[in-house]
């Protein structure tokens, strides 16, 4: 009841949209890792963060538009393999001769 009253008040007073308020809450709690206890059971944080969230999503939109036509290259992986060790014969300790 409290949240609905606050949200309808924000719509009437500030002209916010339901989608905008939802994005605000998602940004504050999921992206910005805000504390749930700070909300005190309501959504009173929305007027304080609405402009920041609006700018965040606008910047995200601009980045997507800028990179829309770019082709991604396949990543290049560099693999290094050590050369195998050469087997060295141990020295002959006894010389039995050729007979």
Protein backbone atom coordinates (compact mmCIF):
# COMPACT_ATOMS: atom_id res chain seq x y z
CA UNK A 1 0.00 0.00 0.00
CA UNK A 2 2.82 2.39 0.92
CA UNK A 3 4.76 1.71 -2.28
CA UNK A 4 1.71 2.15 -4.48
CA UNK A 5 0.84 5.45 -2.78
CA UNK A 6 4.40 6.72 -3.14
CA UNK A 7 4.64 5.64 -6.79
CA UNK A 8 1.35 7.29 -7.72
CA UNK A 9 2.49 10.44 -5.93
CA UNK A 10 5.72 10.47 -7.97
CA UNK A 11 3.72 10.07 -11.18
CA UNK A 12 1.43 12.97 -10.26
CA UNK A 13 4.10 15.27 -8.80
CA UNK A 14 7.16 14.62 -10.99
CA UNK A 15 5.71 12.94 -14.08
CA UNK A 16 7.73 9.75 -13.59
CA UNK A 17 6.73 6.58 -15.42
CA UNK A 18 6.27 3.11 -13.98
CA UNK A 19 9.08 1.86 -16.21
CA UNK A 20 11.38 4.64 -15.07
CA UNK A 21 10.68 3.92 -11.41
CA UNK A 22 11.25 0.20 -11.97
CA UNK A 23 14.58 0.93 -13.64
CA UNK A 24 15.50 3.20 -10.73
CA UNK A 25 14.92 0.45 -8.22
CA UNK A 26 16.77 -2.10 -10.35
CA UNK A 27 19.72 0.26 -10.74
CA UNK A 28 19.83 1.16 -7.06
CA UNK A 29 19.60 -2.36 -5.67
CA UNK A 30 21.17 -4.58 -8.35
CA UNK A 31 23.71 -2.40 -10.14
CA UNK A 32 24.64 0.08 -7.41
CA UNK A 33 24.23 -2.48 -4.58
CA UNK A 34 22.10 -0.22 -2.39
CA UNK A 35 20.95 -1.44 1.00
CA UNK A 36 17.36 -2.67 1.30
CA UNK A 37 17.22 -1.40 4.88
CA UNK A 38 17.68 2.18 3.65
CA UNK A 39 14.33 1.95 1.86
CA UNK A 40 12.36 1.55 5.12
CA UNK A 41 9.73 -0.49 3.29
CA UNK A 42 9.08 2.17 0.65
CA UNK A 43 10.44 3.60 -2.57
CA UNK A 44 11.26 7.10 -1.36
CA UNK A 45 14.75 6.87 -2.86
CA UNK A 46 13.40 7.29 -6.39
CA UNK A 47 13.30 11.14 -6.55
CA UNK A 48 16.90 11.32 -5.35
CA UNK A 49 18.30 8.92 -7.95
CA UNK A 50 15.93 9.35 -10.91
CA UNK A 51 18.14 11.81 -12.82
CA UNK A 52 21.29 9.72 -12.25
CA UNK A 53 19.52 6.59 -13.45
CA UNK A 54 18.12 8.41 -16.46
CA UNK A 55 21.64 9.53 -17.40
CA UNK A 56 23.00 6.00 -16.82
CA UNK A 57 20.49 4.40 -19.19
CA UNK A 58 20.92 7.18 -21.75
CA UNK A 59 24.71 6.66 -21.74
CA UNK A 60 24.12 2.93 -22.12
CA UNK A 61 21.86 3.60 -25.10
CA UNK A 62 24.48 5.88 -26.71
CA UNK A 63 27.18 3.25 -26.26
CA UNK A 64 25.00 0.60 -27.90
CA UNK A 65 24.20 2.92 -30.81
CA UNK A 66 27.87 3.79 -31.28
CA UNK A 67 28.91 0.14 -31.31
CA UNK A 68 25.94 -1.18 -33.29
CA UNK A 69 27.71 -1.30 -36.65
CA UNK A 70 31.10 -2.46 -35.38
CA UNK A 71 32.20 -5.96 -36.23
CA UNK A 72 33.75 -7.96 -33.49
CA UNK A 73 36.94 -9.79 -34.29
CA UNK A 74 37.51 -13.28 -33.07
CA UNK A 75 39.86 -13.24 -30.10
CA UNK A 76 43.43 -14.25 -30.75
CA UNK A 77 44.86 -16.74 -28.32
CA UNK A 78 48.57 -17.18 -27.88
CA UNK A 79 49.70 -20.59 -26.75
CA UNK A 80 53.28 -21.30 -25.78
CA UNK A 81 54.57 -24.84 -25.69
CA UNK A 82 57.91 -25.61 -24.16
CA UNK A 83 60.27 -27.68 -26.24
CA UNK A 84 60.66 -31.24 -25.03
CA UNK A 85 63.77 -32.06 -23.05
CA UNK A 86 66.44 -33.96 -24.93
CA UNK A 87 67.36 -37.30 -23.46
CA UNK A 88 70.99 -37.32 -22.48
CA UNK A 89 72.79 -40.64 -22.30
CA UNK A 90 74.55 -41.25 -19.07
CA UNK A 91 78.33 -41.55 -19.41
CA UNK A 92 79.82 -45.05 -19.72
CA UNK A 93 81.35 -46.03 -16.46
CA UNK A 94 83.03 -49.23 -17.66
CA UNK A 95 84.85 -49.72 -20.88
CA UNK A 96 84.54 -53.38 -21.81
CA UNK A 97 86.47 -53.02 -24.99
CA UNK A 98 85.43 -54.17 -28.43
CA UNK A 99 86.25 -57.89 -28.00
